[in-house]
């Protein structure tokens, strides 16, 4: 099952102080998620992945016996989680959380161009 995540920072904060957006999409389930968040660009990207992984873990019946493939245009997150890029100390807690989920959920993580990221299309900042 293909899943997509996207995170971004807006130029202006919302009325309640949020400056970013997290989003994920699971087309096979006709499911989209979008929320506001505080953080910088890499933090919003990691938060999107973590929100998606939490959803998957909390809904095992929807993913039972299915191969989970997760895609994003965030080269930072994809390459850090796949150990192809050094992770900064500031982002290590986020990467480590994604790796903890990987011990409980079997998933692959791959990079795609932004125009192919289904979560980007719902997150328009």
Protein backbone atom coordinates (compact mmCIF):
# COMPACT_ATOMS: atom_id res chain seq x y z
CA UNK A 1 0.00 0.00 0.00
CA UNK A 2 1.46 3.35 -1.04
CA UNK A 3 1.45 6.18 1.51
CA UNK A 4 2.69 9.74 1.11
CA UNK A 5 3.75 12.45 3.58
CA UNK A 6 4.60 16.14 3.29
CA UNK A 7 5.58 18.90 5.70
CA UNK A 8 6.17 22.59 5.07
CA UNK A 9 6.67 25.93 6.75
CA UNK A 10 4.54 28.92 5.84
CA UNK A 11 5.82 32.48 5.69
CA UNK A 12 3.16 33.68 8.13
CA UNK A 13 1.98 32.10 11.34
CA UNK A 14 -1.67 31.18 11.85
CA UNK A 15 -3.85 32.99 14.37
CA UNK A 16 -2.79 30.47 17.03
CA UNK A 17 0.92 30.71 16.24
CA UNK A 18 1.45 27.68 14.02
CA UNK A 19 3.84 28.27 11.15
CA UNK A 20 3.76 24.88 9.46
CA UNK A 21 1.60 22.14 8.07
CA UNK A 22 1.84 18.35 8.20
CA UNK A 23 -0.02 16.10 5.79
CA UNK A 24 -0.27 12.51 4.71
CA UNK A 25 -2.30 10.64 2.13
CA UNK A 26 -3.19 6.98 1.72
CA UNK A 27 -4.95 6.77 -1.67
CA UNK A 28 -5.98 3.08 -1.34
CA UNK A 29 -8.01 4.04 1.75
CA UNK A 30 -9.19 7.34 0.27
CA UNK A 31 -7.67 8.96 3.34
CA UNK A 32 -6.07 12.38 3.73
CA UNK A 33 -4.80 14.10 6.87
CA UNK A 34 -3.73 17.71 7.32
CA UNK A 35 -2.88 19.65 10.49
CA UNK A 36 -1.06 22.76 11.64
CA UNK A 37 2.18 22.57 13.61
CA UNK A 38 5.02 24.70 14.95
CA UNK A 39 8.49 23.92 13.67
CA UNK A 40 11.13 24.45 11.04
CA UNK A 41 11.15 22.72 7.65
CA UNK A 42 12.85 19.44 8.65
CA UNK A 43 10.77 19.23 11.83
CA UNK A 44 7.50 19.55 9.90
CA UNK A 45 8.68 16.89 7.44
CA UNK A 46 9.59 14.47 10.22
CA UNK A 47 6.34 15.26 12.07
CA UNK A 48 4.40 14.30 8.93
CA UNK A 49 6.15 10.94 8.70
CA UNK A 50 5.66 10.28 12.40
CA UNK A 51 1.94 11.18 12.19
CA UNK A 52 1.57 8.72 9.30
CA UNK A 53 3.43 5.96 11.16
CA UNK A 54 1.31 6.53 14.26
CA UNK A 55 -1.85 6.24 12.16
CA UNK A 56 -0.59 2.98 10.65
CA UNK A 57 0.28 1.56 14.07
CA UNK A 58 -3.09 2.55 15.56
CA UNK A 59 -5.02 0.96 12.67
CA UNK A 60 -3.38 -2.44 12.07
CA UNK A 61 -6.57 -3.90 10.59
CA UNK A 62 -6.29 -1.49 7.63
CA UNK A 63 -2.72 -2.56 6.86
CA UNK A 64 -2.77 -6.25 7.77
CA UNK A 65 -0.79 -8.39 5.32
CA UNK A 66 -0.08 -5.41 3.07
CA UNK A 67 3.31 -4.15 2.00
CA UNK A 68 3.65 -0.55 3.21
CA UNK A 69 5.62 1.76 0.93
CA UNK A 70 6.01 5.34 2.12
CA UNK A 71 7.05 8.15 -0.22
CA UNK A 72 8.00 11.80 0.18
CA UNK A 73 9.84 14.56 -1.61
CA UNK A 74 11.79 15.25 1.60
CA UNK A 75 15.27 14.08 0.69
CA UNK A 76 16.46 14.96 4.20
CA UNK A 77 14.02 12.66 5.98
CA UNK A 78 14.19 9.84 3.44
CA UNK A 79 17.98 9.74 3.33
CA UNK A 80 18.47 10.16 7.08
CA UNK A 81 16.01 7.39 7.98
CA UNK A 82 17.59 5.14 5.33
CA UNK A 83 21.10 5.97 6.68
CA UNK A 84 22.25 7.56 3.42
CA UNK A 85 22.75 10.99 5.02
CA UNK A 86 24.25 12.06 8.33
CA UNK A 87 21.62 13.19 10.79
CA UNK A 88 22.19 16.36 12.82
CA UNK A 89 21.91 16.23 16.61
CA UNK A 90 18.77 18.39 16.43
CA UNK A 91 16.99 15.93 14.16
CA UNK A 92 18.20 12.71 15.81
CA UNK A 93 15.17 12.40 18.14
CA UNK A 94 12.83 12.54 15.13
CA UNK A 95 14.89 10.09 13.09
CA UNK A 96 15.17 7.74 16.05
CA UNK A 97 11.40 7.79 16.54
CA UNK A 98 10.90 6.86 12.87
CA UNK A 99 13.40 4.02 13.37
CA UNK A 100 11.54 2.83 16.48
CA UNK A 101 8.37 2.61 14.38
CA UNK A 102 10.32 0.61 11.79
CA UNK A 103 10.97 -2.05 14.44
CA UNK A 104 7.20 -2.43 14.90
CA UNK A 105 5.98 -1.72 11.37
CA UNK A 106 7.59 -3.13 8.25
CA UNK A 107 7.80 -0.25 5.79
CA UNK A 108 10.05 1.05 3.04
CA UNK A 109 10.78 4.72 2.60
CA UNK A 110 11.51 6.24 -0.79
CA UNK A 111 12.01 9.63 -2.39
CA UNK A 112 9.75 10.96 -5.15
CA UNK A 113 9.56 14.32 -6.94
CA UNK A 114 7.20 16.84 -5.30
CA UNK A 115 4.75 16.76 -8.21
CA UNK A 116 4.24 13.02 -7.56
CA UNK A 117 3.71 13.47 -3.81
CA UNK A 118 -0.02 12.99 -3.19
CA UNK A 119 0.28 14.59 0.27
CA UNK A 120 1.72 17.79 -1.22
CA UNK A 121 -1.43 18.21 -3.26
CA UNK A 122 -3.59 18.32 -0.12
CA UNK A 123 -1.20 20.38 1.97
CA UNK A 124 -0.92 23.46 -0.21
CA UNK A 125 0.66 25.98 2.08
